[in-house]
C-alpha atoms as a PDB file:
ATOM      1  CA  MET A   1      -0.255  -0.084  -0.333  1.00  0.00           C
ATOM      2  CA  THR A   2       1.253   3.363  -1.119  1.00  0.00           C
ATOM      3  CA  SER A   3       1.668   6.645   1.353  1.00  0.00           C
ATOM      4  CA  LEU A   4      -0.633   8.339  -0.619  1.00  0.00           C
ATOM      5  CA  GLN A   5      -3.516   5.245  -0.261  1.00  0.00           C
ATOM      6  CA  ILE A   6      -2.796   5.238   3.755  1.00  0.00           C
ATOM      7  CA  HIS A   7      -3.305   8.874   3.888  1.00  0.00           C
ATOM      8  CA  LYS A   8      -6.587   8.680   1.898  1.00  0.00           C
ATOM      9  CA  GLN A   9      -7.832   5.752   4.227  1.00  0.00           C
ATOM     10  CA  ASP A  10      -6.869   7.772   7.307  1.00  0.00           C
ATOM     11  CA  PHE A  11      -8.492  10.890   5.849  1.00  0.00           C
ATOM     12  CA  LEU A  12     -12.121   8.753   5.443  1.00  0.00           C
ATOM     13  CA  LYS A  13     -11.571   7.108   8.913  1.00  0.00           C
ATOM     14  CA  GLN A  14     -11.490  10.784  10.564  1.00  0.00           C
ATOM     15  CA  LEU A  15     -13.824  12.332   8.143  1.00  0.00           C
ATOM     16  CA  GLN A  16     -16.630   9.503   9.153  1.00  0.00           C
ATOM     17  CA  GLU A  17     -15.756  10.011  12.715  1.00  0.00           C
ATOM     18  CA  PHE A  18     -16.443  13.458  12.828  1.00  0.00           C
ATOM     19  CA  VAL A  19     -19.901  13.158  10.726  1.00  0.00           C
ATOM     20  CA  GLN A  20     -20.928  10.728  13.638  1.00  0.00           C
ATOM     21  CA  SER A  21     -19.765  13.171  16.191  1.00  0.00           C
ATOM     22  CA  LEU A  22     -21.527  16.016  14.568  1.00  0.00           C
ATOM     23  CA  LYS A  23     -24.659  14.236  14.117  1.00  0.00           C
ATOM     24  CA  THR A  24     -25.128  13.947  17.963  1.00  0.00           C
ATOM     25  CA  HIS A  25     -25.103  17.548  18.095  1.00  0.00           C
ATOM     26  CA  ILE A  26     -27.273  18.195  14.920  1.00  0.00           C
ATOM     27  CA  SER A  27     -29.782  15.866  14.807  1.00  0.00           C
ATOM     28  CA  THR A  28     -32.281  14.109  16.934  1.00  0.00           C
ATOM     29  CA  GLU A  29     -32.395  10.322  17.672  1.00  0.00           C
ATOM     30  CA  ASP A  30     -34.989  10.017  14.738  1.00  0.00           C
ATOM     31  CA  GLY A  31     -32.575  11.629  12.347  1.00  0.00           C
ATOM     32  CA  GLN A  32     -34.415  15.195  12.298  1.00  0.00           C
ATOM     33  CA  TRP A  33     -32.303  18.103  12.163  1.00  0.00           C
ATOM     34  CA  THR A  34     -32.217  20.473  14.968  1.00  0.00           C
ATOM     35  CA  ILE A  35     -30.952  23.346  12.813  1.00  0.00           C
ATOM     36  CA  LYS A  36     -33.819  24.987  11.157  1.00  0.00           C
ATOM     37  CA  GLY A  37     -32.048  28.199   9.733  1.00  0.00           C
ATOM     38  CA  PHE A  38     -29.718  30.974  10.287  1.00  0.00           C
ATOM     39  CA  ILE A  39     -29.685  34.110  11.731  1.00  0.00           C
ATOM     40  CA  ASP A  40     -27.617  37.501  10.521  1.00  0.00           C
ATOM     41  CA  ILE A  41     -26.328  40.142  12.684  1.00  0.00           C
ATOM     42  CA  TYR A  42     -29.337  42.169  11.407  1.00  0.00           C
ATOM     43  CA  LYS A  43     -31.465  39.464  12.847  1.00  0.00           C
ATOM     44  CA  ASN A  44     -33.332  38.410   9.526  1.00  0.00           C
ATOM     45  CA  VAL A  45     -33.793  34.672   9.838  1.00  0.00           C
ATOM     46  CA  TYR A  46     -32.986  32.246   6.619  1.00  0.00           C
ATOM     47  CA  THR A  47     -34.195  28.688   6.871  1.00  0.00           C
ATOM     48  CA  ILE A  48     -32.499  25.918   5.473  1.00  0.00           C
ATOM     49  CA  SER A  49     -34.069  24.320   2.664  1.00  0.00           C
ATOM     50  CA  SER A  50     -33.431  20.525   1.717  1.00  0.00           C
ATOM     51  CA  ASP A  51     -31.731  21.711  -1.228  1.00  0.00           C
ATOM     52  CA  THR A  52     -28.401  19.415  -1.330  1.00  0.00           C
ATOM     53  CA  LYS A  53     -26.217  22.340  -2.606  1.00  0.00           C
ATOM     54  CA  ILE A  54     -26.899  24.266   0.739  1.00  0.00           C
ATOM     55  CA  VAL A  55     -25.568  21.519   3.514  1.00  0.00           C
ATOM     56  CA  PRO A  56     -22.117  21.373   2.359  1.00  0.00           C
ATOM     57  CA  LYS A  57     -21.880  25.082   2.992  1.00  0.00           C
ATOM     58  CA  PHE A  58     -22.020  24.313   6.555  1.00  0.00           C
END
């Protein structure tokens, strides 16, 4: 196994662990999101749509 392959596997493992830990902070036990939107500095509220392009922006 090359150094690059080892690095990729390590990165994937760490990413999966991060996602699991993040899930406990942003979702309920049944998978519902606890975060429903954003509030800007002017107190405007922006809801999060189900658009999959928005989720990676977090």
